[in-house]
Amino acid sequence: MNAKTMKIEEFTDVLASKAAIPGGGGASALTGALGTALGTMVGNLTVGKKKYKDVEEEIRRQMQQAEVLQRELLLLIDKDAEAFEPLSKAYGLPKETKEQLEYRNKVMEEALLKASLVPLKIMETVLEAIAVLEVMAEKGSRIAVSDAGVGVQFCRAALLGASMNVFINTKLMKDREKASQLNQRCDELMEDGVKRADAVFELVMKTIRP
């Protein structure tokens, strides 16, 4: 699967099918990429305008960061699919004998960890995108402030969506210490990201509502 070369309709059709991939993780990464792109859009509507000359350098830096994050999130769509494939195969391993069960458990544990790390990376990347959108909402063009608000809501949804793809895997891990570490990191990212995204949303609503 190469999500970057798929048309929107093709991607959504595959997403809607019974195919295991793409799933919630890939959809979260795409949602985050869309939210990040909206941040860049705000930047493009800001630079070059006399009114925003004092913040133009900062806006350009944020746009460069957003471009990197957007590319990373698009790559993570396919990385999420690649990480899920070994887990999907592990579920089908035989478990009739003790040896088979031990081997299956070993493969499952490795696959569960791998399948947890990609959505965790999606969360970390989306949190960086929320930081970009904070600047865009505060200092970007006022005619596009609503786009910053939409972008941050997309990133918020991507953050929470990816978290569920971590938790569903860590729940099955035998190594409860590792699972706890991953869950704690997830909780930290959610708490920070949701708080910041909600603050941006409130700022935008105060700006656009009469």
N, C-alpha and C. Protein backbone atom coordinates (compact mmCIF):
# COMPACT_ATOMS: atom_id res chain seq x y z
N MET A 1 0.84 -1.20 0.00
CA MET A 1 0.00 0.00 0.00
C MET A 1 0.87 1.25 0.00
N ASN A 2 0.59 2.15 -0.89
CA ASN A 2 1.28 3.44 -0.89
C ASN A 2 0.23 4.54 -0.83
N ALA A 3 -0.05 4.97 0.39
CA ALA A 3 -1.13 5.93 0.60
C ALA A 3 -0.88 7.25 -0.10
N LYS A 4 0.41 7.61 -0.25
CA LYS A 4 0.74 8.91 -0.84
C LYS A 4 0.33 9.01 -2.30
N THR A 5 0.26 7.87 -2.98
CA THR A 5 -0.08 7.89 -4.40
C THR A 5 -1.55 7.57 -4.65
N MET A 6 -2.31 7.29 -3.60
CA MET A 6 -3.72 6.96 -3.76
C MET A 6 -4.58 8.21 -3.87
N LYS A 7 -5.62 8.14 -4.68
CA LYS A 7 -6.59 9.22 -4.73
C LYS A 7 -7.46 9.17 -3.49
N ILE A 8 -8.06 10.31 -3.15
CA ILE A 8 -8.87 10.40 -1.94
C ILE A 8 -9.98 9.35 -1.96
N GLU A 9 -10.67 9.22 -3.08
CA GLU A 9 -11.78 8.28 -3.18
C GLU A 9 -11.28 6.85 -3.03
N GLU A 10 -10.13 6.55 -3.62
CA GLU A 10 -9.55 5.21 -3.53
C GLU A 10 -9.19 4.89 -2.08
N PHE A 11 -8.56 5.83 -1.40
CA PHE A 11 -8.16 5.61 -0.02
C PHE A 11 -9.38 5.37 0.87
N THR A 12 -10.41 6.19 0.70
CA THR A 12 -11.59 6.05 1.56
C THR A 12 -12.35 4.76 1.25
N ASP A 13 -12.32 4.32 -0.01
CA ASP A 13 -12.96 3.05 -0.36
C ASP A 13 -12.25 1.88 0.32
N VAL A 14 -10.92 1.90 0.29
CA VAL A 14 -10.15 0.83 0.94
C VAL A 14 -10.35 0.90 2.46
N LEU A 15 -10.39 2.11 2.99
CA LEU A 15 -10.60 2.30 4.42
C LEU A 15 -11.96 1.73 4.85
N ALA A 16 -12.95 1.88 3.99
CA ALA A 16 -14.30 1.42 4.31
C ALA A 16 -14.47 -0.09 4.13
N SER A 17 -13.55 -0.71 3.43
CA SER A 17 -13.66 -2.15 3.15
C SER A 17 -13.28 -2.98 4.37
N LYS A 18 -13.37 -4.30 4.22
CA LYS A 18 -13.01 -5.20 5.32
C LYS A 18 -11.51 -5.46 5.38
N ALA A 19 -10.74 -4.83 4.51
CA ALA A 19 -9.28 -4.96 4.53
C ALA A 19 -8.75 -4.46 5.88
N ALA A 20 -7.75 -5.14 6.40
CA ALA A 20 -7.20 -4.79 7.72
C ALA A 20 -6.49 -3.45 7.71
N ILE A 21 -5.92 -3.11 6.56
CA ILE A 21 -5.20 -1.83 6.43
C ILE A 21 -5.66 -1.11 5.16
N PRO A 22 -5.71 0.21 5.19
CA PRO A 22 -5.46 1.08 6.34
C PRO A 22 -6.58 0.98 7.36
N GLY A 23 -6.26 1.37 8.59
CA GLY A 23 -7.25 1.37 9.66
C GLY A 23 -7.24 2.67 10.41
N GLY A 24 -7.57 2.59 11.69
CA GLY A 24 -7.66 3.80 12.50
C GLY A 24 -6.36 4.56 12.64
N GLY A 25 -5.25 3.83 12.68
CA GLY A 25 -3.95 4.50 12.80
C GLY A 25 -3.62 5.31 11.56
N GLY A 26 -3.79 4.70 10.39
CA GLY A 26 -3.53 5.40 9.14
C GLY A 26 -4.46 6.57 8.94
N ALA A 27 -5.73 6.38 9.31
CA ALA A 27 -6.71 7.47 9.20
C ALA A 27 -6.34 8.62 10.12
N SER A 28 -5.82 8.29 11.30
CA SER A 28 -5.40 9.34 12.24
C SER A 28 -4.22 10.12 11.68
N ALA A 29 -3.27 9.40 11.08
CA ALA A 29 -2.11 10.08 10.49
C ALA A 29 -2.53 11.01 9.36
N LEU A 30 -3.46 10.56 8.53
CA LEU A 30 -3.96 11.40 7.44
C LEU A 30 -4.68 12.63 7.99
N THR A 31 -5.50 12.42 9.00
CA THR A 31 -6.21 13.54 9.63
C THR A 31 -5.24 14.57 10.18
N GLY A 32 -4.16 14.08 10.81
CA GLY A 32 -3.14 14.99 11.32
C GLY A 32 -2.44 15.75 10.21
N ALA A 33 -2.19 15.06 9.08
CA ALA A 33 -1.56 15.72 7.94
C ALA A 33 -2.45 16.82 7.38
N LEU A 34 -3.75 16.57 7.33
CA LEU A 34 -4.70 17.58 6.85
C LEU A 34 -4.73 18.79 7.78
N GLY A 35 -4.73 18.51 9.08
CA GLY A 35 -4.72 19.61 10.05
C GLY A 35 -3.45 20.44 9.94
N THR A 36 -2.32 19.77 9.72
CA THR A 36 -1.05 20.45 9.56
C THR A 36 -1.04 21.30 8.29
N ALA A 37 -1.61 20.76 7.22
CA ALA A 37 -1.68 21.49 5.96
C ALA A 37 -2.48 22.77 6.11
N LEU A 38 -3.51 22.73 6.93
CA LEU A 38 -4.30 23.94 7.16
C LEU A 38 -3.45 25.01 7.87
N GLY A 39 -2.55 24.55 8.72
CA GLY A 39 -1.63 25.50 9.36
C GLY A 39 -0.75 26.19 8.33
N THR A 40 -0.25 25.41 7.37
CA THR A 40 0.57 25.99 6.30
C THR A 40 -0.25 26.96 5.46
N MET A 41 -1.50 26.62 5.23
CA MET A 41 -2.39 27.51 4.47
C MET A 41 -2.51 28.87 5.16
N VAL A 42 -2.68 28.85 6.47
CA VAL A 42 -2.76 30.11 7.22
C VAL A 42 -1.46 30.91 7.02
N GLY A 43 -0.34 30.19 7.07
CA GLY A 43 0.94 30.85 6.87
C GLY A 43 1.05 31.50 5.50
N ASN A 44 0.61 30.78 4.47
CA ASN A 44 0.68 31.32 3.11
C ASN A 44 -0.20 32.55 2.92
N LEU A 45 -1.25 32.63 3.70
CA LEU A 45 -2.14 33.80 3.64
C LEU A 45 -1.65 34.95 4.51
N THR A 46 -0.57 34.69 5.25
CA THR A 46 -0.02 35.70 6.16
C THR A 46 1.23 36.36 5.61
N VAL A 47 2.16 35.56 5.09
CA VAL A 47 3.44 36.10 4.62
C VAL A 47 3.21 37.03 3.42
N GLY A 48 4.03 38.07 3.38
CA GLY A 48 3.94 39.03 2.29
C GLY A 48 2.95 40.15 2.53
N LYS A 49 2.23 40.08 3.64
CA LYS A 49 1.25 41.13 3.96
C LYS A 49 1.88 42.14 4.92
N LYS A 50 1.78 43.42 4.59
CA LYS A 50 2.37 44.47 5.42
C LYS A 50 1.90 44.41 6.87
N LYS A 51 0.64 44.06 7.03
CA LYS A 51 0.04 44.02 8.35
C LYS A 51 0.76 43.02 9.27
N TYR A 52 1.35 41.99 8.67
CA TYR A 52 1.97 40.93 9.47
C TYR A 52 3.49 40.88 9.29
N LYS A 53 4.05 42.01 8.90
CA LYS A 53 5.50 42.07 8.65
C LYS A 53 6.32 41.69 9.88
N ASP A 54 5.86 42.12 11.04
CA ASP A 54 6.62 41.87 12.27
C ASP A 54 6.69 40.39 12.65
N VAL A 55 5.73 39.61 12.19
CA VAL A 55 5.71 38.18 12.56
C VAL A 55 6.06 37.28 11.38
N GLU A 56 6.38 37.88 10.23
CA GLU A 56 6.59 37.08 9.02
C GLU A 56 7.72 36.07 9.17
N GLU A 57 8.81 36.45 9.79
CA GLU A 57 9.94 35.52 9.94
C GLU A 57 9.53 34.30 10.77
N GLU A 58 8.81 34.56 11.84
CA GLU A 58 8.35 33.45 12.68
C GLU A 58 7.35 32.56 11.94
N ILE A 59 6.46 33.19 11.20
CA ILE A 59 5.47 32.43 10.44
C ILE A 59 6.16 31.55 9.40
N ARG A 60 7.18 32.06 8.76
CA ARG A 60 7.92 31.27 7.77
C ARG A 60 8.59 30.06 8.43
N ARG A 61 9.13 30.25 9.62
CA ARG A 61 9.75 29.13 10.35
C ARG A 61 8.71 28.06 10.67
N GLN A 62 7.54 28.52 11.08
CA GLN A 62 6.48 27.58 11.41
C GLN A 62 5.99 26.83 10.17
N MET A 63 5.98 27.51 9.04
CA MET A 63 5.57 26.87 7.79
C MET A 63 6.56 25.78 7.39
N GLN A 64 7.85 26.05 7.58
CA GLN A 64 8.87 25.05 7.28
C GLN A 64 8.71 23.83 8.17
N GLN A 65 8.42 24.09 9.44
CA GLN A 65 8.20 22.99 10.38
C GLN A 65 6.96 22.19 9.99
N ALA A 66 5.90 22.90 9.61
CA ALA A 66 4.65 22.23 9.21
C ALA A 66 4.86 21.35 7.99
N GLU A 67 5.68 21.80 7.07
CA GLU A 67 5.95 21.02 5.86
C GLU A 67 6.63 19.70 6.22
N VAL A 68 7.58 19.75 7.14
CA VAL A 68 8.27 18.54 7.59
C VAL A 68 7.29 17.60 8.29
N LEU A 69 6.47 18.14 9.16
CA LEU A 69 5.50 17.33 9.90
C LEU A 69 4.45 16.71 8.99
N GLN A 70 4.01 17.46 8.02
CA GLN A 70 3.01 16.95 7.08
C GLN A 70 3.56 15.75 6.31
N ARG A 71 4.79 15.87 5.84
CA ARG A 71 5.43 14.76 5.12
C ARG A 71 5.58 13.54 6.02
N GLU A 72 5.98 13.77 7.26
CA GLU A 72 6.17 12.69 8.21
C GLU A 72 4.85 11.96 8.48
N LEU A 73 3.78 12.71 8.64
CA LEU A 73 2.48 12.11 8.91
C LEU A 73 1.98 11.28 7.73
N LEU A 74 2.24 11.75 6.52
CA LEU A 74 1.86 10.97 5.35
C LEU A 74 2.66 9.66 5.28
N LEU A 75 3.93 9.72 5.63
CA LEU A 75 4.74 8.50 5.66
C LEU A 75 4.24 7.54 6.74
N LEU A 76 3.75 8.09 7.82
CA LEU A 76 3.27 7.27 8.93
C LEU A 76 2.00 6.50 8.59
N ILE A 77 1.28 6.92 7.57
CA ILE A 77 0.12 6.14 7.12
C ILE A 77 0.58 4.75 6.69
N ASP A 78 1.61 4.72 5.86
CA ASP A 78 2.13 3.45 5.37
C ASP A 78 2.91 2.71 6.46
N LYS A 79 3.62 3.45 7.30
CA LYS A 79 4.36 2.80 8.39
C LYS A 79 3.40 2.08 9.34
N ASP A 80 2.23 2.67 9.56
CA ASP A 80 1.24 2.05 10.43
C ASP A 80 0.74 0.75 9.81
N ALA A 81 0.52 0.77 8.51
CA ALA A 81 0.08 -0.45 7.81
C ALA A 81 1.16 -1.53 7.87
N GLU A 82 2.41 -1.11 7.69
CA GLU A 82 3.54 -2.06 7.73
C GLU A 82 3.70 -2.67 9.12
N ALA A 83 3.44 -1.87 10.15
CA ALA A 83 3.59 -2.36 11.52
C ALA A 83 2.48 -3.33 11.89
N PHE A 84 1.31 -3.17 11.28
CA PHE A 84 0.19 -4.03 11.63
C PHE A 84 0.29 -5.41 10.97
N GLU A 85 0.95 -5.48 9.82
CA GLU A 85 1.00 -6.73 9.07
C GLU A 85 1.58 -7.90 9.88
N PRO A 86 2.72 -7.74 10.56
CA PRO A 86 3.23 -8.85 11.37
C PRO A 86 2.27 -9.28 12.48
N LEU A 87 1.56 -8.32 13.05
CA LEU A 87 0.60 -8.64 14.10
C LEU A 87 -0.55 -9.45 13.53
N SER A 88 -1.02 -9.05 12.36
CA SER A 88 -2.10 -9.78 11.70
C SER A 88 -1.70 -11.23 11.43
N LYS A 89 -0.46 -11.43 11.01
CA LYS A 89 0.04 -12.78 10.74
C LYS A 89 0.22 -13.57 12.04
N ALA A 90 0.63 -12.89 13.10
CA ALA A 90 0.86 -13.56 14.39
C ALA A 90 -0.42 -14.16 14.95
N TYR A 91 -1.53 -13.47 14.74
CA TYR A 91 -2.82 -13.99 15.22
C TYR A 91 -3.14 -15.34 14.59
N GLY A 92 -2.64 -15.57 13.40
CA GLY A 92 -2.96 -16.81 12.68
C GLY A 92 -2.01 -17.96 12.95
N LEU A 93 -0.99 -17.74 13.78
CA LEU A 93 -0.03 -18.80 14.08
C LEU A 93 -0.69 -19.92 14.90
N PRO A 94 -0.28 -21.17 14.66
CA PRO A 94 -0.87 -22.30 15.41
C PRO A 94 -0.48 -22.25 16.88
N LYS A 95 -1.32 -22.83 17.73
CA LYS A 95 -1.07 -22.83 19.18
C LYS A 95 -1.53 -24.14 19.83
N GLU A 96 -1.44 -25.23 19.07
CA GLU A 96 -1.89 -26.51 19.59
C GLU A 96 -0.91 -27.11 20.60
N THR A 97 0.39 -27.00 20.31
CA THR A 97 1.39 -27.56 21.20
C THR A 97 2.01 -26.47 22.07
N LYS A 98 2.73 -26.90 23.10
CA LYS A 98 3.39 -25.95 24.00
C LYS A 98 4.43 -25.13 23.24
N GLU A 99 5.18 -25.80 22.35
CA GLU A 99 6.21 -25.11 21.56
C GLU A 99 5.59 -24.08 20.64
N GLN A 100 4.49 -24.47 20.00
CA GLN A 100 3.79 -23.54 19.09
C GLN A 100 3.26 -22.34 19.85
N LEU A 101 2.71 -22.59 21.03
CA LEU A 101 2.15 -21.51 21.83
C LEU A 101 3.24 -20.55 22.30
N GLU A 102 4.37 -21.11 22.72
CA GLU A 102 5.49 -20.27 23.16
C GLU A 102 6.01 -19.41 22.02
N TYR A 103 6.13 -20.01 20.85
CA TYR A 103 6.59 -19.26 19.69
C TYR A 103 5.59 -18.18 19.30
N ARG A 104 4.31 -18.54 19.33
CA ARG A 104 3.25 -17.57 18.99
C ARG A 104 3.28 -16.40 19.96
N ASN A 105 3.42 -16.69 21.25
CA ASN A 105 3.46 -15.63 22.25
C ASN A 105 4.64 -14.69 22.04
N LYS A 106 5.79 -15.27 21.69
CA LYS A 106 6.99 -14.47 21.44
C LYS A 106 6.78 -13.55 20.24
N VAL A 107 6.26 -14.10 19.16
CA VAL A 107 6.02 -13.31 17.95
C VAL A 107 4.96 -12.25 18.20
N MET A 108 3.92 -12.63 18.94
CA MET A 108 2.85 -11.69 19.26
C MET A 108 3.36 -10.50 20.05
N GLU A 109 4.22 -10.79 21.04
CA GLU A 109 4.74 -9.73 21.90
C GLU A 109 5.56 -8.73 21.08
N GLU A 110 6.38 -9.23 20.19
CA GLU A 110 7.19 -8.37 19.34
C GLU A 110 6.31 -7.55 18.40
N ALA A 111 5.29 -8.21 17.86
CA ALA A 111 4.40 -7.53 16.91
C ALA A 111 3.55 -6.47 17.61
N LEU A 112 3.10 -6.77 18.83
CA LEU A 112 2.29 -5.81 19.58
C LEU A 112 3.09 -4.55 19.91
N LEU A 113 4.36 -4.74 20.26
CA LEU A 113 5.21 -3.59 20.54
C LEU A 113 5.40 -2.74 19.30
N LYS A 114 5.71 -3.38 18.19
CA LYS A 114 5.92 -2.66 16.94
C LYS A 114 4.65 -1.91 16.52
N ALA A 115 3.51 -2.57 16.69
CA ALA A 115 2.24 -1.96 16.30
C ALA A 115 1.84 -0.81 17.23
N SER A 116 2.45 -0.76 18.42
CA SER A 116 2.16 0.33 19.36
C SER A 116 3.03 1.55 19.09
N LEU A 117 4.24 1.33 18.61
CA LEU A 117 5.21 2.42 18.48
C LEU A 117 4.86 3.39 17.36
N VAL A 118 4.25 2.89 16.28
CA VAL A 118 3.92 3.79 15.17
C VAL A 118 2.82 4.78 15.55
N PRO A 119 1.68 4.32 16.11
CA PRO A 119 0.68 5.31 16.52
C PRO A 119 1.20 6.26 17.60
N LEU A 120 2.13 5.78 18.43
CA LEU A 120 2.75 6.67 19.41
C LEU A 120 3.54 7.77 18.71
N LYS A 121 4.22 7.39 17.64
CA LYS A 121 4.95 8.37 16.83
C LYS A 121 3.99 9.34 16.16
N ILE A 122 2.85 8.85 15.73
CA ILE A 122 1.82 9.73 15.16
C ILE A 122 1.41 10.78 16.19
N MET A 123 1.20 10.34 17.42
CA MET A 123 0.81 11.26 18.49
C MET A 123 1.87 12.32 18.72
N GLU A 124 3.12 11.90 18.78
CA GLU A 124 4.22 12.85 19.02
C GLU A 124 4.33 13.87 17.89
N THR A 125 4.13 13.40 16.66
CA THR A 125 4.23 14.29 15.50
C THR A 125 3.06 15.27 15.48
N VAL A 126 1.89 14.79 15.81
CA VAL A 126 0.69 15.64 15.84
C VAL A 126 0.82 16.70 16.93
N LEU A 127 1.42 16.34 18.04
CA LEU A 127 1.61 17.33 19.11
C LEU A 127 2.49 18.48 18.62
N GLU A 128 3.50 18.16 17.83
CA GLU A 128 4.35 19.20 17.24
C GLU A 128 3.53 20.07 16.27
N ALA A 129 2.60 19.44 15.56
CA ALA A 129 1.75 20.19 14.63
C ALA A 129 0.81 21.14 15.39
N ILE A 130 0.33 20.69 16.54
CA ILE A 130 -0.52 21.56 17.37
C ILE A 130 0.26 22.80 17.80
N ALA A 131 1.55 22.63 18.08
CA ALA A 131 2.40 23.77 18.45
C ALA A 131 2.49 24.78 17.31
N VAL A 132 2.56 24.29 16.08
CA VAL A 132 2.57 25.17 14.90
C VAL A 132 1.25 25.93 14.80
N LEU A 133 0.17 25.21 14.99
CA LEU A 133 -1.16 25.82 14.86
C LEU A 133 -1.43 26.84 15.96
N GLU A 134 -0.80 26.65 17.12
CA GLU A 134 -0.92 27.66 18.18
C GLU A 134 -0.41 29.01 17.69
N VAL A 135 0.72 28.98 17.03
CA VAL A 135 1.31 30.22 16.51
C VAL A 135 0.45 30.80 15.40
N MET A 136 -0.01 29.95 14.50
CA MET A 136 -0.83 30.41 13.38
C MET A 136 -2.13 31.04 13.86
N ALA A 137 -2.72 30.45 14.87
CA ALA A 137 -3.99 30.98 15.39
C ALA A 137 -3.78 32.32 16.09
N GLU A 138 -2.64 32.45 16.75
CA GLU A 138 -2.37 33.67 17.52
C GLU A 138 -1.85 34.80 16.64
N LYS A 139 -0.97 34.47 15.67
CA LYS A 139 -0.26 35.51 14.93
C LYS A 139 -0.53 35.52 13.43
N GLY A 140 -1.21 34.50 12.93
CA GLY A 140 -1.47 34.43 11.50
C GLY A 140 -2.59 35.33 11.05
N SER A 141 -2.83 35.36 9.75
CA SER A 141 -3.86 36.21 9.17
C SER A 141 -5.22 35.98 9.82
N ARG A 142 -5.87 37.07 10.17
CA ARG A 142 -7.18 36.98 10.81
C ARG A 142 -8.25 36.43 9.88
N ILE A 143 -8.06 36.59 8.57
CA ILE A 143 -9.07 36.08 7.64
C ILE A 143 -9.01 34.56 7.54
N ALA A 144 -7.93 33.98 8.07
CA ALA A 144 -7.78 32.52 8.01
C ALA A 144 -7.72 31.90 9.40
N VAL A 145 -8.09 32.65 10.43
CA VAL A 145 -7.99 32.13 11.78
C VAL A 145 -8.90 30.91 11.98
N SER A 146 -10.02 30.88 11.28
CA SER A 146 -10.91 29.72 11.40
C SER A 146 -10.24 28.46 10.85
N ASP A 147 -9.39 28.62 9.85
CA ASP A 147 -8.68 27.47 9.29
C ASP A 147 -7.68 26.91 10.30
N ALA A 148 -7.08 27.79 11.08
CA ALA A 148 -6.21 27.33 12.16
C ALA A 148 -7.01 26.55 13.19
N GLY A 149 -8.23 27.01 13.44
CA GLY A 149 -9.11 26.31 14.38
C GLY A 149 -9.52 24.94 13.87
N VAL A 150 -9.85 24.86 12.60
CA VAL A 150 -10.19 23.57 12.00
C VAL A 150 -8.98 22.64 12.04
N GLY A 151 -7.83 23.19 11.70
CA GLY A 151 -6.59 22.40 11.69
C GLY A 151 -6.29 21.81 13.06
N VAL A 152 -6.46 22.60 14.11
CA VAL A 152 -6.15 22.10 15.45
C VAL A 152 -7.16 21.05 15.89
N GLN A 153 -8.40 21.16 15.42
CA GLN A 153 -9.39 20.13 15.75
C GLN A 153 -9.07 18.81 15.04
N PHE A 154 -8.59 18.92 13.80
CA PHE A 154 -8.14 17.72 13.09
C PHE A 154 -6.99 17.05 13.85
N CYS A 155 -6.05 17.86 14.29
CA CYS A 155 -4.89 17.32 15.00
C CYS A 155 -5.30 16.72 16.35
N ARG A 156 -6.25 17.34 16.99
CA ARG A 156 -6.78 16.80 18.26
C ARG A 156 -7.39 15.43 18.04
N ALA A 157 -8.20 15.32 16.97
CA ALA A 157 -8.82 14.04 16.65
C ALA A 157 -7.77 12.99 16.29
N ALA A 158 -6.74 13.41 15.57
CA ALA A 158 -5.66 12.50 15.20
C ALA A 158 -4.92 12.00 16.45
N LEU A 159 -4.70 12.89 17.39
CA LEU A 159 -4.01 12.55 18.64
C LEU A 159 -4.80 11.49 19.41
N LEU A 160 -6.08 11.72 19.60
CA LEU A 160 -6.91 10.78 20.35
C LEU A 160 -7.13 9.49 19.58
N GLY A 161 -7.27 9.60 18.26
CA GLY A 161 -7.45 8.42 17.44
C GLY A 161 -6.25 7.50 17.52
N ALA A 162 -5.07 8.07 17.39
CA ALA A 162 -3.84 7.27 17.46
C ALA A 162 -3.67 6.64 18.83
N SER A 163 -4.11 7.33 19.87
CA SER A 163 -3.95 6.78 21.23
C SER A 163 -4.69 5.46 21.38
N MET A 164 -5.84 5.35 20.75
CA MET A 164 -6.61 4.11 20.86
C MET A 164 -5.90 2.95 20.18
N ASN A 165 -5.10 3.27 19.16
CA ASN A 165 -4.33 2.23 18.48
C ASN A 165 -3.12 1.81 19.30
N VAL A 166 -2.71 2.64 20.24
CA VAL A 166 -1.69 2.22 21.20
C VAL A 166 -2.31 1.33 22.26
N PHE A 167 -3.39 1.82 22.86
CA PHE A 167 -4.00 1.12 23.99
C PHE A 167 -4.53 -0.27 23.62
N ILE A 168 -5.05 -0.43 22.41
CA ILE A 168 -5.61 -1.73 22.03
C ILE A 168 -4.51 -2.78 21.92
N ASN A 169 -3.28 -2.32 21.64
CA ASN A 169 -2.15 -3.25 21.55
C ASN A 169 -1.48 -3.48 22.90
N THR A 170 -1.28 -2.41 23.67
CA THR A 170 -0.63 -2.58 24.98
C THR A 170 -1.50 -3.42 25.92
N LYS A 171 -2.78 -3.41 25.72
CA LYS A 171 -3.68 -4.21 26.57
C LYS A 171 -3.35 -5.70 26.49
N LEU A 172 -2.85 -6.13 25.33
CA LEU A 172 -2.57 -7.55 25.11
C LEU A 172 -1.13 -7.95 25.39
N MET A 173 -0.27 -6.98 25.68
CA MET A 173 1.14 -7.28 25.90
C MET A 173 1.36 -8.02 27.22
N LYS A 174 2.24 -9.01 27.18
CA LYS A 174 2.59 -9.77 28.39
C LYS A 174 3.53 -8.95 29.28
N ASP A 175 4.39 -8.17 28.66
CA ASP A 175 5.33 -7.33 29.40
C ASP A 175 4.56 -6.11 29.90
N ARG A 176 4.04 -6.22 31.12
CA ARG A 176 3.18 -5.16 31.64
C ARG A 176 3.98 -3.90 32.00
N GLU A 177 5.27 -4.06 32.30
CA GLU A 177 6.08 -2.88 32.58
C GLU A 177 6.25 -2.03 31.32
N LYS A 178 6.54 -2.69 30.19
CA LYS A 178 6.66 -1.97 28.92
C LYS A 178 5.32 -1.37 28.52
N ALA A 179 4.27 -2.13 28.71
CA ALA A 179 2.93 -1.64 28.38
C ALA A 179 2.58 -0.40 29.20
N SER A 180 2.95 -0.44 30.48
CA SER A 180 2.68 0.69 31.36
C SER A 180 3.46 1.93 30.92
N GLN A 181 4.69 1.73 30.50
CA GLN A 181 5.51 2.85 30.01
C GLN A 181 4.88 3.49 28.78
N LEU A 182 4.44 2.66 27.86
CA LEU A 182 3.81 3.16 26.63
C LEU A 182 2.50 3.87 26.95
N ASN A 183 1.72 3.30 27.86
CA ASN A 183 0.44 3.91 28.24
C ASN A 183 0.66 5.26 28.92
N GLN A 184 1.68 5.33 29.77
CA GLN A 184 1.99 6.58 30.45
C GLN A 184 2.38 7.67 29.46
N ARG A 185 3.21 7.30 28.49
CA ARG A 185 3.61 8.26 27.46
C ARG A 185 2.39 8.74 26.68
N CYS A 186 1.50 7.79 26.39
CA CYS A 186 0.26 8.12 25.68
C CYS A 186 -0.58 9.12 26.48
N ASP A 187 -0.73 8.84 27.75
CA ASP A 187 -1.52 9.72 28.62
C ASP A 187 -0.93 11.13 28.66
N GLU A 188 0.41 11.20 28.74
CA GLU A 188 1.08 12.51 28.77
C GLU A 188 0.82 13.29 27.49
N LEU A 189 0.93 12.62 26.35
CA LEU A 189 0.70 13.27 25.06
C LEU A 189 -0.74 13.74 24.92
N MET A 190 -1.67 12.90 25.37
CA MET A 190 -3.09 13.27 25.29
C MET A 190 -3.40 14.47 26.18
N GLU A 191 -2.91 14.42 27.40
CA GLU A 191 -3.19 15.51 28.33
C GLU A 191 -2.66 16.84 27.80
N ASP A 192 -1.42 16.82 27.35
CA ASP A 192 -0.79 18.03 26.82
C ASP A 192 -1.47 18.50 25.54
N GLY A 193 -1.67 17.57 24.61
CA GLY A 193 -2.23 17.92 23.30
C GLY A 193 -3.66 18.41 23.35
N VAL A 194 -4.49 17.72 24.12
CA VAL A 194 -5.89 18.12 24.22
C VAL A 194 -6.02 19.49 24.88
N LYS A 195 -5.25 19.71 25.93
CA LYS A 195 -5.28 21.01 26.63
C LYS A 195 -4.90 22.13 25.68
N ARG A 196 -3.83 21.93 24.92
CA ARG A 196 -3.36 22.98 24.01
C ARG A 196 -4.30 23.16 22.82
N ALA A 197 -4.82 22.07 22.30
CA ALA A 197 -5.76 22.16 21.17
C ALA A 197 -7.04 22.87 21.58
N ASP A 198 -7.52 22.57 22.77
CA ASP A 198 -8.75 23.21 23.25
C ASP A 198 -8.53 24.71 23.48
N ALA A 199 -7.35 25.07 23.92
CA ALA A 199 -7.03 26.49 24.14
C ALA A 199 -7.03 27.24 22.81
N VAL A 200 -6.48 26.61 21.77
CA VAL A 200 -6.48 27.22 20.44
C VAL A 200 -7.91 27.37 19.94
N PHE A 201 -8.71 26.33 20.12
CA PHE A 201 -10.10 26.37 19.68
C PHE A 201 -10.86 27.51 20.36
N GLU A 202 -10.65 27.66 21.65
CA GLU A 202 -11.31 28.74 22.39
C GLU A 202 -10.87 30.10 21.88
N LEU A 203 -9.58 30.25 21.60
CA LEU A 203 -9.06 31.51 21.06
C LEU A 203 -9.70 31.83 19.73
N VAL A 204 -9.79 30.83 18.88
CA VAL A 204 -10.37 31.04 17.55
C VAL A 204 -11.84 31.40 17.66
N MET A 205 -12.57 30.70 18.53
CA MET A 205 -14.00 30.98 18.67
C MET A 205 -14.25 32.39 19.20
N LYS A 206 -13.41 32.85 20.11
CA LYS A 206 -13.54 34.22 20.62
C LYS A 206 -13.30 35.25 19.51
N THR A 207 -12.46 34.86 18.56
CA THR A 207 -12.13 35.76 17.46
C THR A 207 -13.23 35.83 16.42
N ILE A 208 -13.87 34.70 16.14
CA ILE A 208 -14.81 34.65 15.01
C ILE A 208 -16.27 34.78 15.40
N ARG A 209 -16.61 34.49 16.65
CA ARG A 209 -18.01 34.58 17.04
C ARG A 209 -18.38 36.02 17.40
N PRO A 210 -19.56 36.48 16.97
CA PRO A 210 -19.97 37.86 17.28
C PRO A 210 -20.28 38.03 18.78
